[in-house]
Amino acid sequence: MLLKQVFALSRAATPRESRLCAAGGALVSCHRQYRSRPTHGIGKYKHLLPKEVPKRKKDKVQMKEINVGTEHEYGDVNIQMTSYDMCLVEHFAQYVHKLCNQFSVRVSESYAMPTKTNEVLFLEERGSKMQLDAVLTTHQRVIQVSGLSSTFAPILLEIIQSNQPEGVHLLVKEVGFIC
């Protein structure tokens, strides 16, 4: 038995085997050499993906600078449309937006305000209990225009008012500072 161990230690180990692994049956395999084989990377795809950038903390929301305007042009102007009919106010807002684009008036923002719901109650004759009569939903759209010329503003507003549908309330005001 001693002769077999000496013979096993004395034999030359191949480059892929270590001498400790060739010592006999006590250590069957020390490590595998499969990583040096040409097929060791099959199924791995992490190297193909772009490296992910670690997520940063979100910065605080910064306020957008308000354009004050000059003598010859208005700053930021809000065109607000309000109606009980969502379809009417949506189509009219789309019309105003396209009209501003046709006349090369820069639309900086176009957005919808949240829908407001109002309940109308009435008091019965000789009673103290209020009854629900109707639920009114108010829809509002805002188009913010910047750099509107003071000579072109009355013309644009005249066109918008002449095409304003029934049931749509129109409000045009310059954006100011919130105190």
Protein backbone atom coordinates (compact mmCIF):
# COMPACT_ATOMS: atom_id res chain seq x y z
CA MET A 1 0.00 0.00 0.00
CA LEU A 2 2.84 2.37 0.81
CA LEU A 3 4.38 1.51 -2.52
CA LYS A 4 1.18 2.49 -4.35
CA GLN A 5 1.07 5.90 -2.63
CA VAL A 6 4.72 6.61 -3.44
CA PHE A 7 4.13 5.59 -7.03
CA ALA A 8 1.06 7.83 -7.24
CA LEU A 9 2.98 10.82 -5.87
CA SER A 10 5.95 10.25 -8.09
CA ARG A 11 4.04 10.06 -11.32
CA ALA A 12 3.98 13.31 -13.19
CA ALA A 13 0.80 15.26 -12.84
CA THR A 14 -0.75 16.60 -15.99
CA PRO A 15 -0.97 20.38 -16.25
CA ARG A 16 -4.72 20.28 -15.59
CA GLU A 17 -4.36 18.27 -12.37
CA SER A 18 -2.81 19.42 -9.14
CA ARG A 19 -0.43 17.16 -7.22
CA LEU A 20 -2.73 17.08 -4.20
CA CYS A 21 -5.59 15.76 -6.24
CA ALA A 22 -3.38 13.01 -7.69
CA ALA A 23 -2.46 11.67 -4.24
CA GLY A 24 -5.07 8.98 -4.17
CA GLY A 25 -8.64 8.17 -3.37
CA ALA A 26 -8.92 10.41 -0.27
CA LEU A 27 -9.27 13.54 -2.38
CA VAL A 28 -11.32 12.64 -5.40
CA SER A 29 -11.48 16.09 -6.92
CA CYS A 30 -10.19 19.40 -5.60
CA HIS A 31 -11.66 21.74 -8.15
CA ARG A 32 -13.05 21.54 -11.60
CA GLN A 33 -11.34 22.95 -14.61
CA TYR A 34 -14.55 23.49 -16.59
CA ARG A 35 -14.23 27.28 -16.47
CA SER A 36 -11.24 27.16 -18.79
CA ARG A 37 -13.16 25.18 -21.38
CA PRO A 38 -14.47 26.97 -24.47
CA THR A 39 -18.09 26.33 -23.47
CA HIS A 40 -17.89 27.77 -19.95
CA GLY A 41 -19.87 30.94 -20.80
CA ILE A 42 -22.92 29.31 -22.37
CA GLY A 43 -26.12 30.80 -20.99
CA LYS A 44 -24.50 33.83 -19.42
CA TYR A 45 -25.71 37.15 -20.75
CA LYS A 46 -24.84 39.70 -18.05
CA HIS A 47 -21.87 40.96 -20.07
CA LEU A 48 -24.23 41.87 -22.93
CA LEU A 49 -26.43 44.16 -20.81
CA PRO A 50 -25.48 47.81 -20.28
CA LYS A 51 -24.14 48.54 -16.84
CA GLU A 52 -26.82 49.94 -14.56
CA VAL A 53 -26.20 53.35 -13.10
CA PRO A 54 -26.95 53.42 -9.37
CA LYS A 55 -30.15 55.30 -8.59
CA ARG A 56 -29.72 58.72 -7.07
CA LYS A 57 -32.05 60.38 -4.68
CA LYS A 58 -34.64 62.44 -6.48
CA ASP A 59 -33.91 66.13 -6.41
CA LYS A 60 -36.46 68.52 -5.05
CA VAL A 61 -38.91 69.84 -7.60
CA GLN A 62 -37.62 73.14 -8.85
CA MET A 63 -40.03 75.92 -9.64
CA LYS A 64 -40.25 76.98 -13.25
CA GLU A 65 -39.20 80.54 -13.86
CA ILE A 66 -42.09 82.84 -14.73
CA ASN A 67 -41.63 84.91 -17.87
CA VAL A 68 -42.61 88.47 -16.92
CA GLY A 69 -42.64 89.89 -20.44
CA THR A 70 -41.71 93.28 -21.84
CA GLU A 71 -43.50 96.41 -23.05
CA HIS A 72 -44.34 94.85 -26.41
CA GLU A 73 -45.21 91.31 -25.38
CA TYR A 74 -46.95 89.53 -22.54
CA GLY A 75 -45.16 87.05 -20.34
CA ASP A 76 -46.81 83.70 -19.61
CA VAL A 77 -50.56 83.80 -20.24
CA ASN A 78 -53.00 81.10 -19.11
CA ILE A 79 -56.05 80.42 -21.29
CA GLN A 80 -58.46 78.48 -19.04
CA MET A 81 -61.53 76.72 -20.41
CA THR A 82 -64.19 75.35 -18.04
CA SER A 83 -67.34 73.40 -18.85
CA TYR A 84 -69.73 70.79 -17.51
CA ASP A 85 -69.34 68.80 -20.74
CA MET A 86 -65.97 67.09 -20.97
CA CYS A 87 -66.20 66.51 -24.72
CA LEU A 88 -66.83 70.21 -25.44
CA VAL A 89 -63.98 71.51 -23.32
CA GLU A 90 -61.56 68.88 -24.64
CA HIS A 91 -62.28 69.69 -28.30
CA PHE A 92 -62.19 73.45 -27.69
CA ALA A 93 -58.81 73.14 -25.93
CA GLN A 94 -57.54 71.14 -28.89
CA TYR A 95 -58.82 73.86 -31.26
CA VAL A 96 -57.12 76.65 -29.28
CA HIS A 97 -53.86 74.68 -29.17
CA LYS A 98 -53.89 74.15 -32.96
CA LEU A 99 -54.83 77.80 -33.52
CA CYS A 100 -51.84 78.96 -31.47
CA ASN A 101 -49.57 76.63 -33.44
CA GLN A 102 -50.92 77.99 -36.76
CA PHE A 103 -50.24 81.59 -35.71
CA SER A 104 -46.75 80.69 -34.40
CA VAL A 105 -47.66 81.49 -30.81
CA ARG A 106 -45.49 79.36 -28.53
CA VAL A 107 -47.52 77.00 -26.31
CA SER A 108 -45.34 76.23 -23.29
CA GLU A 109 -47.81 73.92 -21.50
CA SER A 110 -51.20 72.34 -22.08
CA TYR A 111 -52.77 70.37 -19.25
CA ALA A 112 -56.01 69.32 -17.58
CA MET A 113 -57.00 70.30 -14.07
CA PRO A 114 -58.67 67.69 -11.83
CA THR A 115 -62.40 67.30 -12.28
CA LYS A 116 -64.45 69.01 -9.59
CA THR A 117 -67.75 67.54 -8.42
CA ASN A 118 -70.51 69.71 -6.91
CA GLU A 119 -73.71 68.34 -5.40
CA VAL A 120 -76.84 70.49 -5.69
CA LEU A 121 -79.26 70.04 -2.76
CA PHE A 122 -82.71 71.55 -2.28
CA LEU A 123 -84.90 72.01 0.76
CA GLU A 124 -88.45 70.67 0.55
CA GLU A 125 -91.40 72.89 1.50
CA ARG A 126 -92.20 72.71 5.21
CA GLY A 127 -89.36 70.32 5.79
CA SER A 128 -85.93 70.35 7.27
CA LYS A 129 -84.43 67.54 5.18
CA MET A 130 -82.28 68.37 2.17
CA GLN A 131 -82.74 66.32 -0.99
CA LEU A 132 -80.06 65.67 -3.61
CA ASP A 133 -81.13 67.30 -6.86
CA ALA A 134 -78.10 66.98 -9.16
CA VAL A 135 -74.40 66.23 -9.29
CA LEU A 136 -72.41 68.68 -11.43
CA THR A 137 -68.93 67.79 -12.66
CA THR A 138 -66.74 70.67 -13.82
CA HIS A 139 -63.93 69.97 -16.29
CA GLN A 140 -61.11 72.44 -16.83
CA ARG A 141 -58.30 72.65 -19.39
CA VAL A 142 -55.41 75.12 -19.31
CA ILE A 143 -53.19 76.21 -22.18
CA GLN A 144 -50.17 78.28 -21.20
CA VAL A 145 -48.88 80.59 -23.92
CA SER A 146 -45.63 82.53 -23.69
CA GLY A 147 -44.25 85.42 -25.70
CA LEU A 148 -47.65 86.63 -26.97
CA SER A 149 -47.28 89.93 -28.81
CA SER A 150 -49.33 92.80 -27.38
CA THR A 151 -50.51 93.77 -30.87
CA PHE A 152 -51.55 90.22 -31.80
CA ALA A 153 -53.20 89.30 -28.46
CA PRO A 154 -56.54 91.09 -29.13
CA ILE A 155 -56.79 89.45 -32.57
CA LEU A 156 -56.14 85.98 -31.14
CA LEU A 157 -58.63 86.47 -28.31
CA GLU A 158 -61.27 87.75 -30.75
CA ILE A 159 -60.87 84.61 -32.88
CA ILE A 160 -61.05 82.36 -29.79
CA GLN A 161 -64.16 84.14 -28.46
CA SER A 162 -65.95 84.06 -31.81
CA ASN A 163 -65.48 80.27 -32.00
CA GLN A 164 -66.21 79.59 -28.32
CA PRO A 165 -68.98 76.97 -28.01
CA GLU A 166 -72.00 77.39 -25.74
CA GLY A 167 -71.45 76.09 -22.25
CA VAL A 168 -67.70 76.74 -22.21
CA HIS A 169 -66.46 79.47 -19.88
CA LEU A 170 -63.26 81.17 -21.04
CA LEU A 171 -60.78 82.92 -18.74
CA VAL A 172 -57.54 84.54 -19.92
CA LYS A 173 -55.10 85.81 -17.32
CA GLU A 174 -51.42 86.52 -17.03
CA VAL A 175 -49.45 84.20 -14.76
CA GLY A 176 -48.34 86.01 -11.62
CA PHE A 177 -46.34 85.31 -8.53
CA ILE A 178 -47.94 83.31 -5.71
CA CYS A 179 -47.67 85.20 -2.43
